[in-house]
Every structure is written in C-alpha cells, then in structure tokens.
Amino acid sequence: MDFVTILVTPFGAVFGAISVYYVLGFKEIKKELEEGRKSPLPAWYGPVAKYVYVPLTVVVFILGIIYKGIG
C-alpha cells in the first residue's frame, strides 16, 4: 500500500498534469474547463496551472521518493 501511496498516485498526478497542460495544451483543456461555467476562466489560470501546479506536482513526487512519503 505504501508503494501505491508514495509512488503510483503522485506519478499519476505528474503524468496527468504534464499531459493536460503541456501535451494537450491549455487551449484545448480550456474548452472543457469552461463547459457549464457562467463566466470564462480568468486569464491567470493557464499560466498558473502550467508553471506552478505542474512543477509543484513534480516536487511532491520527488520529495515523496526522497522522504518515503510526505504525508
């Protein structure tokens, strides 16, 4: 269970974040994120997701490996 919690789940978050914001591209995902919203996403959402969220998921993944779990 520790293997799943420490490695698999954070790796899935890293893989998902990279594939959504770098491979697919924010323009494509923005259409899906705005579906059902009354107002469009703020202009800062894309850069924050791409340049803050993705690196943070990588940092959490690496720290989880180094410290054998960070929770």
Protein backbone atom coordinates (compact mmCIF):
# COMPACT_ATOMS: atom_id res chain seq x y z
CA MET A 1 0.00 0.00 0.00
CA ASP A 2 2.88 2.38 0.71
CA PHE A 3 4.14 1.83 -2.84
CA VAL A 4 0.82 2.98 -4.24
CA THR A 5 0.55 5.97 -1.90
CA ILE A 6 4.14 7.14 -2.25
CA LEU A 7 4.87 6.39 -5.92
CA VAL A 8 1.91 5.47 -8.06
CA THR A 9 -0.58 8.17 -7.05
CA PRO A 10 1.88 11.11 -7.24
CA PHE A 11 3.24 9.76 -10.54
CA GLY A 12 -0.32 9.72 -11.88
CA ALA A 13 -0.74 13.36 -10.84
CA VAL A 14 2.55 14.33 -12.54
CA PHE A 15 1.69 12.37 -15.68
CA GLY A 16 -1.82 13.82 -15.81
CA ALA A 17 -0.67 17.39 -15.26
CA ILE A 18 2.04 17.18 -17.91
CA SER A 19 -0.23 15.51 -20.42
CA VAL A 20 -3.05 18.01 -19.89
CA TYR A 21 -1.13 21.29 -19.75
CA TYR A 22 1.89 20.55 -21.98
CA VAL A 23 0.89 17.79 -24.41
CA LEU A 24 -2.80 18.57 -24.93
CA GLY A 25 -2.35 22.30 -24.46
CA PHE A 26 -4.26 24.82 -22.43
CA LYS A 27 -6.43 25.98 -25.34
CA GLU A 28 -7.95 22.51 -25.67
CA ILE A 29 -8.44 21.91 -21.97
CA LYS A 30 -9.85 25.41 -21.51
CA LYS A 31 -12.87 24.44 -23.61
CA GLU A 32 -13.58 21.53 -21.28
CA LEU A 33 -12.97 23.53 -18.11
CA GLU A 34 -15.31 26.30 -19.21
CA GLU A 35 -18.13 23.95 -20.12
CA GLY A 36 -21.03 24.68 -17.81
CA ARG A 37 -19.41 27.79 -16.32
CA LYS A 38 -21.26 31.08 -16.46
CA SER A 39 -18.07 33.10 -16.82
CA PRO A 40 -14.81 32.30 -18.62
CA LEU A 41 -11.72 31.24 -16.73
CA PRO A 42 -9.52 34.10 -15.54
CA ALA A 43 -6.52 34.94 -17.72
CA TRP A 44 -4.09 33.90 -14.98
CA TYR A 45 -5.43 30.34 -14.72
CA GLY A 46 -3.45 28.89 -17.64
CA PRO A 47 -0.01 30.18 -16.68
CA VAL A 48 -0.53 29.28 -13.01
CA ALA A 49 -1.62 25.77 -13.91
CA LYS A 50 1.26 25.29 -16.33
CA TYR A 51 4.10 26.95 -14.43
CA VAL A 52 3.08 26.50 -10.78
CA TYR A 53 0.86 23.40 -10.49
CA VAL A 54 2.90 21.15 -12.78
CA PRO A 55 6.27 21.92 -11.12
CA LEU A 56 4.70 21.51 -7.68
CA THR A 57 3.42 18.05 -8.59
CA VAL A 58 6.93 17.13 -9.73
CA VAL A 59 8.39 18.45 -6.45
CA VAL A 60 5.85 16.49 -4.40
CA PHE A 61 6.66 13.34 -6.36
CA ILE A 62 10.42 13.75 -5.85
CA LEU A 63 10.07 14.62 -2.15
CA GLY A 64 7.83 11.61 -1.67
CA ILE A 65 10.54 9.37 -3.08
CA ILE A 66 13.30 11.01 -1.03
CA TYR A 67 11.43 11.03 2.29
CA LYS A 68 9.44 7.83 1.61
CA GLY A 69 6.18 9.73 1.89
CA ILE A 70 5.48 13.32 2.81
CA GLY A 71 2.08 12.96 4.41
